[in-house]
N, C-alpha and C. Protein backbone atom coordinates (compact mmCIF):
# COMPACT_ATOMS: atom_id res chain seq x y z
N MET A 1 -61.38 -41.21 137.12
CA MET A 1 -62.12 -42.38 137.84
C MET A 1 -62.39 -41.27 139.19
N ALA A 2 -63.43 -41.46 139.50
CA ALA A 2 -64.32 -40.75 141.04
C ALA A 2 -63.75 -41.92 141.98
N ASP A 3 -63.38 -40.91 142.88
CA ASP A 3 -63.32 -41.89 144.23
C ASP A 3 -64.15 -42.22 145.00
N SER A 4 -64.53 -43.34 145.36
CA SER A 4 -65.95 -44.09 146.04
C SER A 4 -66.27 -42.96 147.18
N GLN A 5 -65.71 -42.36 147.83
CA GLN A 5 -66.14 -41.45 148.99
C GLN A 5 -66.39 -39.97 148.80
N GLY A 6 -65.87 -39.78 147.72
CA GLY A 6 -65.88 -38.54 147.02
C GLY A 6 -64.93 -37.62 147.27
N LYS A 7 -63.63 -37.86 147.72
CA LYS A 7 -62.68 -37.17 148.20
C LYS A 7 -61.10 -37.46 147.64
N VAL A 8 -60.44 -36.85 147.97
CA VAL A 8 -58.95 -37.41 147.13
C VAL A 8 -58.17 -36.51 147.78
N ARG A 9 -56.70 -36.95 147.92
CA ARG A 9 -55.72 -35.99 148.21
C ARG A 9 -55.36 -34.60 147.61
N ILE A 10 -55.37 -33.47 148.19
CA ILE A 10 -55.09 -32.13 147.41
C ILE A 10 -53.82 -32.42 146.25
N ASP A 11 -52.85 -32.82 146.59
CA ASP A 11 -51.94 -32.94 145.82
C ASP A 11 -52.16 -33.80 144.51
N LYS A 12 -52.88 -34.75 144.65
CA LYS A 12 -53.24 -35.74 143.73
C LYS A 12 -54.33 -35.15 142.97
N TRP A 13 -55.17 -34.48 143.32
CA TRP A 13 -56.11 -33.88 142.74
C TRP A 13 -55.44 -32.95 141.79
N LEU A 14 -54.74 -31.95 142.06
CA LEU A 14 -54.20 -30.81 141.48
C LEU A 14 -53.29 -31.76 140.43
N TRP A 15 -52.80 -32.57 140.46
CA TRP A 15 -51.87 -33.44 139.48
C TRP A 15 -53.21 -33.87 138.36
N ALA A 16 -54.22 -34.42 138.69
CA ALA A 16 -55.07 -34.92 138.08
C ALA A 16 -55.70 -34.23 137.37
N ALA A 17 -55.98 -32.72 137.61
CA ALA A 17 -56.81 -31.37 137.03
C ALA A 17 -55.31 -30.92 136.41
N ARG A 18 -54.27 -31.03 136.37
CA ARG A 18 -53.42 -30.53 135.24
C ARG A 18 -52.86 -29.16 135.41
N PHE A 19 -53.06 -28.81 137.04
CA PHE A 19 -52.15 -27.82 137.56
C PHE A 19 -50.66 -27.75 137.40
N TYR A 20 -50.08 -29.05 137.92
CA TYR A 20 -49.19 -29.43 137.86
C TYR A 20 -48.68 -30.59 136.75
N LYS A 21 -47.44 -30.90 136.39
CA LYS A 21 -46.93 -31.78 135.65
C LYS A 21 -46.95 -33.36 136.22
N THR A 22 -46.38 -33.03 137.63
CA THR A 22 -46.14 -34.42 138.47
C THR A 22 -46.51 -33.98 139.65
N ARG A 23 -46.88 -35.15 140.35
CA ARG A 23 -47.45 -35.17 141.45
C ARG A 23 -46.59 -34.47 142.35
N ALA A 24 -45.19 -34.69 142.27
CA ALA A 24 -44.41 -34.36 143.41
C ALA A 24 -44.19 -32.53 143.18
N LEU A 25 -44.25 -32.02 142.02
CA LEU A 25 -44.67 -30.91 141.93
C LEU A 25 -45.54 -30.10 142.44
N ALA A 26 -46.63 -30.93 142.52
CA ALA A 26 -47.89 -30.23 143.19
C ALA A 26 -47.68 -30.55 144.88
N SER A 27 -46.88 -31.68 145.37
CA SER A 27 -47.03 -31.60 146.73
C SER A 27 -45.85 -30.65 147.22
N GLU A 28 -44.80 -30.54 146.42
CA GLU A 28 -44.12 -29.50 146.94
C GLU A 28 -44.76 -28.16 146.91
N ALA A 29 -45.31 -27.67 146.12
CA ALA A 29 -46.32 -26.50 146.04
C ALA A 29 -47.43 -26.40 147.29
N VAL A 30 -47.79 -27.60 147.41
CA VAL A 30 -48.66 -27.34 148.94
C VAL A 30 -48.08 -27.17 149.84
N GLN A 31 -46.84 -27.98 149.89
CA GLN A 31 -46.10 -27.82 151.28
C GLN A 31 -45.28 -26.51 151.21
N GLY A 32 -45.16 -25.50 149.90
CA GLY A 32 -44.41 -24.34 150.10
C GLY A 32 -45.61 -23.47 150.34
N GLY A 33 -46.73 -23.51 150.67
CA GLY A 33 -47.59 -22.62 151.09
C GLY A 33 -48.48 -21.96 149.86
N ARG A 34 -48.44 -22.61 148.81
CA ARG A 34 -48.93 -21.89 147.63
C ARG A 34 -50.12 -22.42 147.36
N VAL A 35 -50.69 -23.27 147.89
CA VAL A 35 -52.19 -23.75 147.59
C VAL A 35 -52.94 -23.69 148.70
N HIS A 36 -53.92 -23.30 148.61
CA HIS A 36 -55.29 -23.09 149.82
C HIS A 36 -56.46 -23.30 149.68
N VAL A 37 -57.25 -24.36 150.49
CA VAL A 37 -58.26 -24.89 150.39
C VAL A 37 -59.22 -23.96 151.39
N ASN A 38 -59.90 -23.31 150.75
CA ASN A 38 -61.19 -22.44 151.52
C ASN A 38 -60.59 -21.86 152.49
N GLY A 39 -59.76 -21.34 151.74
CA GLY A 39 -59.04 -20.04 152.60
C GLY A 39 -57.76 -20.46 153.65
N ASN A 40 -57.36 -21.60 153.88
CA ASN A 40 -56.76 -22.44 154.74
C ASN A 40 -55.66 -23.05 153.82
N ARG A 41 -54.39 -22.65 154.42
CA ARG A 41 -53.02 -23.50 153.66
C ARG A 41 -53.32 -24.62 154.45
N VAL A 42 -52.79 -25.74 153.68
CA VAL A 42 -53.03 -27.25 153.69
C VAL A 42 -51.84 -28.24 153.73
N LYS A 43 -51.81 -29.38 153.83
CA LYS A 43 -50.61 -30.09 153.76
C LYS A 43 -51.20 -30.97 152.65
N PRO A 44 -50.02 -31.62 151.69
CA PRO A 44 -50.54 -32.64 150.72
C PRO A 44 -51.46 -33.62 150.83
N ALA A 45 -51.43 -34.46 152.27
CA ALA A 45 -52.53 -35.21 152.40
C ALA A 45 -53.83 -34.56 152.45
N ARG A 46 -54.39 -33.14 152.81
CA ARG A 46 -55.51 -32.89 152.93
C ARG A 46 -56.32 -33.07 152.01
N ASP A 47 -57.83 -33.86 151.92
CA ASP A 47 -58.72 -34.24 151.17
C ASP A 47 -59.33 -33.00 150.67
N VAL A 48 -59.66 -33.39 149.25
CA VAL A 48 -60.45 -32.31 148.45
C VAL A 48 -61.86 -32.81 148.44
N ARG A 49 -62.94 -32.09 148.43
CA ARG A 49 -64.22 -32.85 148.13
C ARG A 49 -64.97 -31.69 146.78
N GLU A 50 -65.67 -32.31 146.36
CA GLU A 50 -66.73 -31.23 145.42
C GLU A 50 -67.08 -30.22 146.01
N GLY A 51 -67.09 -29.09 145.62
CA GLY A 51 -67.85 -27.62 146.11
C GLY A 51 -66.42 -26.89 147.10
N ASP A 52 -65.48 -27.24 147.28
CA ASP A 52 -64.14 -26.64 147.82
C ASP A 52 -63.75 -25.88 147.08
N GLU A 53 -63.19 -24.60 147.76
CA GLU A 53 -62.47 -23.70 147.19
C GLU A 53 -61.11 -23.93 147.09
N VAL A 54 -60.32 -23.70 145.91
CA VAL A 54 -59.14 -24.25 145.68
C VAL A 54 -58.25 -23.00 145.62
N GLN A 55 -57.13 -22.14 145.75
CA GLN A 55 -56.53 -21.30 145.77
C GLN A 55 -55.27 -21.60 145.42
N VAL A 56 -54.75 -21.33 143.93
CA VAL A 56 -53.49 -21.89 143.38
C VAL A 56 -52.54 -20.80 142.83
N THR A 57 -51.26 -20.55 143.62
CA THR A 57 -50.49 -19.44 143.15
C THR A 57 -49.47 -19.98 142.60
N ARG A 58 -49.16 -19.73 141.17
CA ARG A 58 -48.10 -20.42 140.33
C ARG A 58 -46.78 -19.10 140.35
N PRO A 59 -45.83 -19.51 139.88
CA PRO A 59 -44.85 -18.40 139.89
C PRO A 59 -45.29 -17.40 138.40
N GLY A 60 -44.93 -16.08 138.47
CA GLY A 60 -45.21 -15.53 137.49
C GLY A 60 -46.69 -15.21 137.15
N ALA A 61 -47.61 -15.85 137.66
CA ALA A 61 -49.01 -15.63 137.21
C ALA A 61 -49.72 -15.26 138.57
N SER A 62 -50.97 -14.44 138.28
CA SER A 62 -51.71 -13.99 139.61
C SER A 62 -52.59 -15.54 139.95
N PRO A 63 -53.02 -15.37 141.71
CA PRO A 63 -53.75 -16.71 142.07
C PRO A 63 -54.84 -17.42 140.86
N THR A 64 -54.66 -18.34 141.03
CA THR A 64 -56.05 -19.05 140.45
C THR A 64 -56.92 -19.39 141.21
N THR A 65 -58.28 -19.00 141.56
CA THR A 65 -59.22 -19.33 142.63
C THR A 65 -60.32 -20.31 141.71
N VAL A 66 -60.48 -21.30 142.14
CA VAL A 66 -60.98 -22.79 141.17
C VAL A 66 -62.33 -23.49 142.27
N ILE A 67 -63.37 -23.75 142.01
CA ILE A 67 -64.26 -24.55 142.73
C ILE A 67 -64.14 -25.82 142.40
N VAL A 68 -63.82 -26.95 143.12
CA VAL A 68 -63.87 -28.32 142.92
C VAL A 68 -65.13 -28.70 142.25
N ARG A 69 -65.28 -29.35 141.11
CA ARG A 69 -66.59 -29.94 140.63
C ARG A 69 -66.68 -31.27 140.52
N GLY A 70 -65.52 -31.81 140.42
CA GLY A 70 -65.42 -33.34 139.84
C GLY A 70 -63.96 -33.77 141.17
N ILE A 71 -64.10 -34.99 141.35
CA ILE A 71 -63.06 -35.82 142.02
C ILE A 71 -62.32 -36.82 141.04
N SER A 72 -61.04 -36.82 141.00
CA SER A 72 -60.37 -37.77 140.02
C SER A 72 -58.81 -38.05 140.92
N ASP A 73 -59.00 -39.38 141.04
CA ASP A 73 -57.37 -39.70 141.38
C ASP A 73 -56.45 -40.33 140.25
N ARG A 74 -56.53 -40.15 138.79
CA ARG A 74 -55.59 -40.45 137.99
C ARG A 74 -55.95 -38.99 136.94
N ARG A 75 -54.82 -39.19 136.29
CA ARG A 75 -54.27 -38.16 135.52
C ARG A 75 -55.12 -38.67 134.11
N GLY A 76 -56.22 -37.68 133.37
CA GLY A 76 -56.46 -38.26 132.36
C GLY A 76 -56.34 -36.93 130.88
N PRO A 77 -57.02 -36.83 129.93
CA PRO A 77 -56.80 -35.82 128.92
C PRO A 77 -57.42 -34.75 129.66
N ALA A 78 -56.77 -33.53 128.79
CA ALA A 78 -57.39 -32.24 129.34
C ALA A 78 -58.47 -31.76 129.36
N SER A 79 -59.25 -32.87 128.30
CA SER A 79 -60.76 -32.22 128.46
C SER A 79 -61.61 -32.75 129.81
N GLU A 80 -61.07 -33.98 130.30
CA GLU A 80 -61.71 -34.70 131.48
C GLU A 80 -60.94 -33.53 132.76
N ALA A 81 -59.85 -32.90 132.63
CA ALA A 81 -59.23 -32.40 133.59
C ALA A 81 -59.78 -30.92 134.13
N GLN A 82 -60.36 -30.24 132.97
CA GLN A 82 -61.03 -29.16 132.81
C GLN A 82 -62.48 -29.68 133.43
N ALA A 83 -63.10 -30.51 133.26
CA ALA A 83 -64.42 -30.92 133.90
C ALA A 83 -64.23 -30.90 135.47
N LEU A 84 -63.09 -31.41 136.07
CA LEU A 84 -63.03 -31.00 137.68
C LEU A 84 -62.93 -30.07 138.26
N TYR A 85 -62.89 -28.53 137.45
CA TYR A 85 -63.03 -27.68 138.25
C TYR A 85 -64.01 -26.31 137.53
N GLU A 86 -64.05 -25.61 138.24
CA GLU A 86 -64.69 -23.93 137.56
C GLU A 86 -64.26 -23.12 138.00
N GLU A 87 -63.27 -22.13 137.28
CA GLU A 87 -62.47 -21.09 137.64
C GLU A 87 -63.79 -20.37 138.07
N THR A 88 -63.22 -19.07 139.21
CA THR A 88 -64.32 -18.23 139.54
C THR A 88 -64.14 -17.01 138.89
N PRO A 89 -65.27 -16.04 138.51
CA PRO A 89 -65.12 -15.11 137.80
C PRO A 89 -64.03 -14.19 138.46
N GLU A 90 -63.90 -14.02 139.44
CA GLU A 90 -62.95 -12.88 139.87
C GLU A 90 -61.86 -13.33 139.56
N SER A 91 -61.41 -14.51 139.48
CA SER A 91 -59.82 -15.42 139.01
C SER A 91 -59.80 -15.08 137.48
N ILE A 92 -61.15 -15.13 136.90
CA ILE A 92 -60.87 -15.13 135.62
C ILE A 92 -60.75 -13.28 134.98
N GLU A 93 -61.48 -12.79 136.00
CA GLU A 93 -61.13 -11.39 135.47
C GLU A 93 -59.88 -10.50 136.00
N ALA A 94 -58.95 -11.39 137.16
CA ALA A 94 -57.62 -10.71 137.41
C ALA A 94 -56.69 -11.63 136.19
N ARG A 95 -56.89 -12.60 135.87
CA ARG A 95 -56.26 -12.94 134.87
C ARG A 95 -56.04 -12.21 133.84
N GLU A 96 -57.33 -11.75 133.28
CA GLU A 96 -57.34 -11.12 132.13
C GLU A 96 -56.56 -9.74 132.12
N ARG A 97 -56.84 -9.38 133.29
CA ARG A 97 -56.23 -7.86 133.59
C ARG A 97 -54.58 -8.21 133.75
N ASP A 98 -54.14 -9.14 134.28
CA ASP A 98 -52.86 -9.55 134.34
C ASP A 98 -52.12 -9.75 132.76
N ARG A 99 -53.10 -10.03 132.17
CA ARG A 99 -52.38 -10.14 130.68
C ARG A 99 -52.46 -8.99 129.81
N LEU A 100 -53.44 -8.50 129.84
CA LEU A 100 -53.50 -6.82 129.40
C LEU A 100 -52.34 -6.23 129.98
N MET A 101 -52.26 -6.14 131.36
CA MET A 101 -51.07 -5.33 131.68
C MET A 101 -49.53 -5.69 131.23
N ARG A 102 -49.42 -6.81 130.93
CA ARG A 102 -48.33 -7.60 130.43
C ARG A 102 -48.18 -7.21 128.68
N ARG A 103 -49.24 -7.21 128.03
CA ARG A 103 -49.43 -6.47 126.93
C ARG A 103 -48.79 -5.13 126.79
N MET A 104 -49.39 -4.15 127.59
CA MET A 104 -48.92 -2.82 127.57
C MET A 104 -47.58 -2.39 128.09
N ALA A 105 -47.33 -3.45 128.94
CA ALA A 105 -46.12 -3.11 129.56
C ALA A 105 -44.83 -2.88 128.39
N PRO A 106 -43.78 -2.12 128.97
CA PRO A 106 -42.65 -1.65 127.84
C PRO A 106 -41.91 -2.77 127.90
N PRO A 107 -41.12 -2.68 126.44
CA PRO A 107 -40.52 -3.98 126.06
C PRO A 107 -39.17 -4.29 127.18
N PRO A 108 -38.62 -5.11 127.65
CA PRO A 108 -37.27 -5.22 128.48
C PRO A 108 -36.18 -4.80 127.84
N PRO A 109 -35.30 -4.05 128.44
CA PRO A 109 -34.36 -3.05 128.03
C PRO A 109 -33.20 -4.49 126.72
N GLY A 110 -32.99 -3.89 125.72
CA GLY A 110 -32.37 -4.40 124.96
C GLY A 110 -33.00 -5.20 123.80
N ALA A 111 -34.04 -5.47 124.48
CA ALA A 111 -35.27 -6.59 123.34
C ALA A 111 -35.10 -5.73 121.76
N GLU A 112 -35.08 -3.98 121.71
CA GLU A 112 -35.22 -3.65 120.38
C GLU A 112 -33.85 -4.28 119.25
N LEU A 113 -33.01 -4.52 120.22
CA LEU A 113 -31.35 -4.85 119.51
C LEU A 113 -31.86 -6.07 118.75
N GLY A 114 -32.56 -6.71 118.66
CA GLY A 114 -32.70 -8.04 118.17
C GLY A 114 -32.04 -8.87 118.20
N ALA A 115 -31.90 -9.78 117.29
CA ALA A 115 -30.85 -11.20 117.80
C ALA A 115 -29.56 -10.79 117.76
N ARG A 116 -28.93 -11.89 118.49
CA ARG A 116 -27.34 -11.46 118.55
C ARG A 116 -26.83 -11.91 117.30
N PRO A 117 -25.80 -11.04 117.30
CA PRO A 117 -24.78 -11.07 115.98
C PRO A 117 -23.95 -12.68 115.65
N THR A 118 -24.30 -13.09 114.57
CA THR A 118 -23.90 -14.16 114.18
C THR A 118 -22.07 -14.08 114.04
N LYS A 119 -21.38 -14.95 113.94
CA LYS A 119 -19.82 -15.34 113.35
C LYS A 119 -19.70 -14.08 112.09
N ARG A 120 -20.41 -14.57 111.39
CA ARG A 120 -19.97 -13.78 110.22
C ARG A 120 -20.36 -12.08 110.47
N ASP A 121 -21.22 -11.76 111.13
CA ASP A 121 -21.54 -10.29 111.28
C ASP A 121 -20.18 -9.80 112.64
N ARG A 122 -19.85 -10.40 113.07
CA ARG A 122 -18.90 -10.01 114.31
C ARG A 122 -17.46 -9.69 113.39
N ARG A 123 -17.21 -10.88 112.46
CA ARG A 123 -15.82 -10.42 111.72
C ARG A 123 -16.16 -9.61 110.75
N ARG A 124 -17.45 -9.20 109.94
CA ARG A 124 -17.55 -7.96 109.41
C ARG A 124 -17.47 -6.64 109.89
N PHE A 125 -17.64 -6.92 111.30
CA PHE A 125 -17.34 -5.59 112.17
C PHE A 125 -16.08 -5.51 112.53
N ASP A 126 -15.72 -6.97 112.85
CA ASP A 126 -13.96 -6.18 113.15
C ASP A 126 -13.23 -5.83 111.83
N ASP A 127 -13.65 -6.51 110.86
CA ASP A 127 -12.70 -6.10 109.53
C ASP A 127 -13.41 -4.44 109.32
N ALA A 128 -14.36 -3.97 109.40
CA ALA A 128 -14.62 -2.72 109.34
C ALA A 128 -13.76 -1.62 110.24
N ARG A 129 -13.68 -2.16 111.36
CA ARG A 129 -13.01 -1.48 112.41
C ARG A 129 -11.80 -1.44 112.35
N ARG A 130 -10.94 -2.06 111.58
CA ARG A 130 -9.48 -2.59 111.23
C ARG A 130 -9.24 -1.30 110.62
N ARG A 131 -10.15 -1.13 109.05
CA ARG A 131 -10.34 -0.42 108.22
C ARG A 131 -10.26 1.06 108.28
N SER A 132 -10.70 1.41 109.40
CA SER A 132 -11.07 2.63 109.62
C SER A 132 -9.99 3.02 110.85
N ARG A 133 -9.53 2.45 111.19
CA ARG A 133 -8.33 2.50 112.02
C ARG A 133 -7.19 3.04 111.16
N GLY A 134 -6.91 2.71 110.18
CA GLY A 134 -5.69 2.28 109.24
C GLY A 134 -5.64 2.52 108.03
């Protein structure tokens, strides 16, 4: 539901646009400096309006830059949430570049070992070791 004045708190908007699962997490991210509106660090009570540029930095991902296209103070379905913003082409390009880099990166050490041995595997290994000793 759109606000009558066309503005809503940034933490509430981030929650409604589904950038964060809870409003508390959105507020914490804003206070932590991981959200900028029009290039400026803001506080959770800062109003966001249509046309504002919001940059959100989430852990383990490149910053996402979006243009506010709609205002809502309630959390609705994902289809409604996606209508609240438009991601910039630069942000999309950076996200795709990061995705390709992660795909091309070598696997972490130990990944080729597979799953952990089961209890049955450990017992077989111990039996084989005992037999080879004596």
